[in-house]
Amino acid sequence: MAPKGKVGTKGKKQIYEENEATLKFYTRVILGANAIYAAVNFFVFYSSSTFWTWLLLLFALAVYVGSYRSMSAMAKPAFAEDGGLLDGGIDLNMEQGMAEHLKDVILLTAIVQVLSTISSYFWYLWLLAPARALHLLWVNLLGPWFMAESPSAPEENIVPEDLWVIRVHLCSPVILQTILG
């Protein structure tokens, strides 16, 4: 059962410690996936390694480096001159944050990299990342923009009886005298 009331906030120290643990976990994931990929492709099946094996390893490494460096930059803490923690960095475990998407990219790349030791066709699963990015772009930005109703002048619903009243008043002798002078 979920607790009722206000959700508790995290302190700077707790965010700092959780960020350190998160970065350590994803370092292990990256090293583990690369170790399995290298052991299988470069030691066991070295004779069947192709240019694509090396190229896809470089692609995975670029994804890992970019995602991990972005996460570590977001989680960078700020310390005072006396060594006290001023800021724990951005919470990497926050839901719906950019770090969540970066963690997903690292996990997707690690899973695809390990599965690609069975068959190189598993690399096509990495196309899920741009598909997810396009989905988020459509749902959060483009869709609401394209589907928004255009601002137009409010239409006045004039009933034919109202038109008759308007004509009668405009054609009244007093108004005609005022208009014609």
Protein backbone atom coordinates (compact mmCIF):
# COMPACT_ATOMS: atom_id res chain seq x y z
CA MET A 1 0.00 0.00 0.00
CA ALA A 2 1.35 3.39 -1.00
CA PRO A 3 1.89 5.89 1.81
CA LYS A 4 -0.60 8.70 1.97
CA GLY A 5 0.28 12.35 2.19
CA LYS A 6 3.21 14.35 0.93
CA VAL A 7 6.04 12.50 -0.75
CA GLY A 8 9.27 12.94 1.15
CA THR A 9 12.09 14.87 -0.43
CA LYS A 10 15.65 13.68 -0.59
CA GLY A 11 18.49 15.48 1.06
CA LYS A 12 21.70 16.52 -0.68
CA LYS A 13 23.70 13.75 0.98
CA GLN A 14 21.18 11.06 0.04
CA ILE A 15 21.12 12.24 -3.60
CA TYR A 16 24.93 12.27 -3.67
CA GLU A 17 25.18 8.72 -2.29
CA GLU A 18 22.46 7.37 -4.61
CA ASN A 19 24.10 9.02 -7.62
CA GLU A 20 27.44 7.43 -6.72
CA ALA A 21 25.76 4.01 -6.43
CA THR A 22 23.92 4.51 -9.72
CA LEU A 23 27.08 5.49 -11.58
CA LYS A 24 28.93 2.52 -10.08
CA PHE A 25 26.13 0.15 -11.19
CA TYR A 26 26.14 1.44 -14.77
CA THR A 27 29.94 1.25 -14.89
CA ARG A 28 29.65 -2.43 -14.02
CA VAL A 29 26.94 -2.96 -16.64
CA ILE A 30 29.10 -1.33 -19.32
CA LEU A 31 32.23 -3.25 -18.35
CA GLY A 32 30.33 -6.53 -18.11
CA ALA A 33 28.68 -6.18 -21.52
CA ASN A 34 31.97 -5.22 -23.16
CA ALA A 35 33.80 -8.10 -21.46
CA ILE A 36 31.26 -10.64 -22.72
CA TYR A 37 31.25 -9.14 -26.22
CA ALA A 38 35.05 -9.05 -26.41
CA ALA A 39 35.49 -12.54 -24.98
CA VAL A 40 33.06 -14.12 -27.41
CA ASN A 41 33.83 -12.15 -30.57
CA PHE A 42 37.57 -11.60 -30.23
CA PHE A 43 38.72 -14.73 -28.44
CA VAL A 44 36.25 -17.52 -29.18
CA PHE A 45 35.16 -16.47 -32.68
CA TYR A 46 38.16 -14.38 -33.64
CA SER A 47 38.45 -15.98 -37.08
CA SER A 48 34.89 -14.95 -37.97
CA SER A 49 35.17 -11.37 -36.67
CA THR A 50 34.52 -8.88 -39.44
CA PHE A 51 34.79 -5.18 -39.99
CA TRP A 52 31.19 -4.87 -38.71
CA THR A 53 32.10 -6.52 -35.43
CA TRP A 54 34.69 -3.83 -34.78
CA LEU A 55 32.48 -1.03 -36.08
CA LEU A 56 29.55 -2.05 -33.89
CA LEU A 57 31.87 -2.28 -30.88
CA LEU A 58 33.01 1.29 -31.56
CA PHE A 59 29.36 2.35 -31.92
CA ALA A 60 28.49 0.76 -28.56
CA LEU A 61 31.52 2.38 -26.93
CA ALA A 62 30.51 5.80 -28.29
CA VAL A 63 26.98 5.34 -26.92
CA TYR A 64 28.33 4.25 -23.56
CA VAL A 65 30.80 7.12 -23.30
CA GLY A 66 28.25 9.74 -24.34
CA SER A 67 25.52 8.48 -22.03
CA TYR A 68 27.78 7.85 -19.04
CA ARG A 69 29.55 11.21 -19.32
CA SER A 70 26.20 12.99 -19.54
CA MET A 71 25.00 11.18 -16.44
CA SER A 72 28.19 11.89 -14.50
CA ALA A 73 28.06 15.57 -15.51
CA MET A 74 24.46 15.80 -14.28
CA ALA A 75 25.36 14.10 -11.00
CA LYS A 76 28.47 16.20 -10.35
CA PRO A 77 28.39 17.37 -6.74
CA ALA A 78 29.55 20.75 -5.48
CA PHE A 79 31.69 20.90 -2.35
CA ALA A 80 32.53 23.85 -0.11
CA GLU A 81 36.10 24.86 0.65
CA ASP A 82 35.92 23.04 3.97
CA GLY A 83 34.82 19.82 2.23
CA GLY A 84 31.14 20.09 3.09
CA LEU A 85 28.60 19.06 0.49
CA LEU A 86 26.87 22.09 -1.04
CA ASP A 87 24.94 20.32 -3.80
CA GLY A 88 24.52 16.62 -4.51
CA GLY A 89 23.92 17.14 -8.23
CA ILE A 90 20.80 16.28 -10.18
CA ASP A 91 19.04 13.19 -8.90
CA LEU A 92 19.80 10.41 -11.42
CA ASN A 93 17.00 8.24 -10.01
CA MET A 94 14.30 10.85 -10.55
CA GLU A 95 11.38 9.60 -12.64
CA GLN A 96 10.74 11.28 -15.99
CA GLY A 97 14.13 12.93 -16.01
CA MET A 98 16.77 12.95 -18.73
CA ALA A 99 18.91 10.55 -16.70
CA GLU A 100 16.16 7.95 -16.96
CA HIS A 101 16.43 8.01 -20.76
CA LEU A 102 20.21 7.84 -20.61
CA LYS A 103 20.02 4.82 -18.31
CA ASP A 104 17.60 3.18 -20.75
CA VAL A 105 20.02 3.77 -23.62
CA ILE A 106 22.88 2.19 -21.65
CA LEU A 107 20.79 -0.85 -20.74
CA LEU A 108 19.45 -1.25 -24.29
CA THR A 109 22.98 -1.06 -25.70
CA ALA A 110 24.29 -3.59 -23.16
CA ILE A 111 21.45 -6.03 -23.86
CA VAL A 112 21.83 -5.69 -27.63
CA GLN A 113 25.61 -6.03 -27.37
CA VAL A 114 25.41 -9.25 -25.35
CA LEU A 115 22.65 -10.69 -27.56
CA SER A 116 24.70 -9.87 -30.65
CA THR A 117 27.19 -12.54 -29.58
CA ILE A 118 24.49 -15.02 -30.63
CA SER A 119 23.57 -13.27 -33.88
CA SER A 120 24.55 -9.96 -35.44
CA TYR A 121 20.92 -9.39 -36.35
CA PHE A 122 20.23 -8.47 -32.72
CA TRP A 123 21.88 -5.11 -33.45
CA TYR A 124 18.66 -4.15 -35.23
CA LEU A 125 17.01 -4.00 -31.81
CA TRP A 126 19.00 -0.83 -31.24
CA LEU A 127 16.56 0.85 -33.64
CA LEU A 128 14.21 0.90 -30.66
CA ALA A 129 16.15 3.89 -29.28
CA PRO A 130 15.43 6.29 -32.16
CA ALA A 131 11.87 4.94 -32.35
CA ARG A 132 11.37 5.78 -28.66
CA ALA A 133 12.94 9.21 -29.19
CA LEU A 134 10.58 9.92 -32.09
CA HIS A 135 7.64 8.72 -29.99
CA LEU A 136 8.58 11.07 -27.14
CA LEU A 137 9.12 13.91 -29.60
CA TRP A 138 5.66 13.36 -31.10
CA VAL A 139 3.82 12.90 -27.79
CA ASN A 140 5.46 15.79 -25.95
CA LEU A 141 6.17 18.36 -28.64
CA LEU A 142 5.00 17.80 -32.20
CA GLY A 143 1.65 16.11 -31.57
CA PRO A 144 0.23 18.78 -29.29
CA TRP A 145 1.55 21.48 -31.60
CA PHE A 146 0.01 19.96 -34.75
CA MET A 147 -3.24 18.93 -33.07
CA ALA A 148 -3.85 22.22 -31.28
CA GLU A 149 -6.93 24.10 -32.37
CA SER A 150 -6.16 27.25 -34.27
CA PRO A 151 -7.09 30.42 -32.46
CA SER A 152 -9.93 32.03 -34.36
CA ALA A 153 -12.35 34.83 -33.67
CA PRO A 154 -15.36 33.65 -31.70
CA GLU A 155 -18.31 33.12 -33.97
CA GLU A 156 -21.52 34.83 -33.03
CA ASN A 157 -24.57 32.71 -33.56
CA ILE A 158 -27.04 35.06 -35.16
CA VAL A 159 -30.52 33.67 -35.57
CA PRO A 160 -32.57 34.92 -38.59
CA GLU A 161 -35.04 36.55 -36.20
CA ASP A 162 -32.17 38.60 -34.78
CA LEU A 163 -31.24 39.72 -38.29
CA TRP A 164 -34.82 40.99 -38.79
CA VAL A 165 -34.60 42.97 -35.56
CA ILE A 166 -31.29 44.48 -36.64
CA ARG A 167 -32.70 45.45 -40.05
CA VAL A 168 -35.80 47.02 -38.52
CA HIS A 169 -33.77 49.11 -36.08
CA LEU A 170 -31.32 50.22 -38.73
CA CYS A 171 -34.15 51.25 -41.01
CA SER A 172 -36.11 53.11 -38.35
CA PRO A 173 -36.77 56.79 -39.18
CA VAL A 174 -34.84 58.05 -36.16
CA ILE A 175 -31.69 56.16 -37.10
CA LEU A 176 -32.01 57.09 -40.76
CA GLN A 177 -32.33 60.78 -39.84
CA THR A 178 -29.27 60.46 -37.59
CA ILE A 179 -27.27 58.76 -40.34
CA LEU A 180 -28.39 61.03 -43.17
CA GLY A 181 -28.18 64.11 -41.02
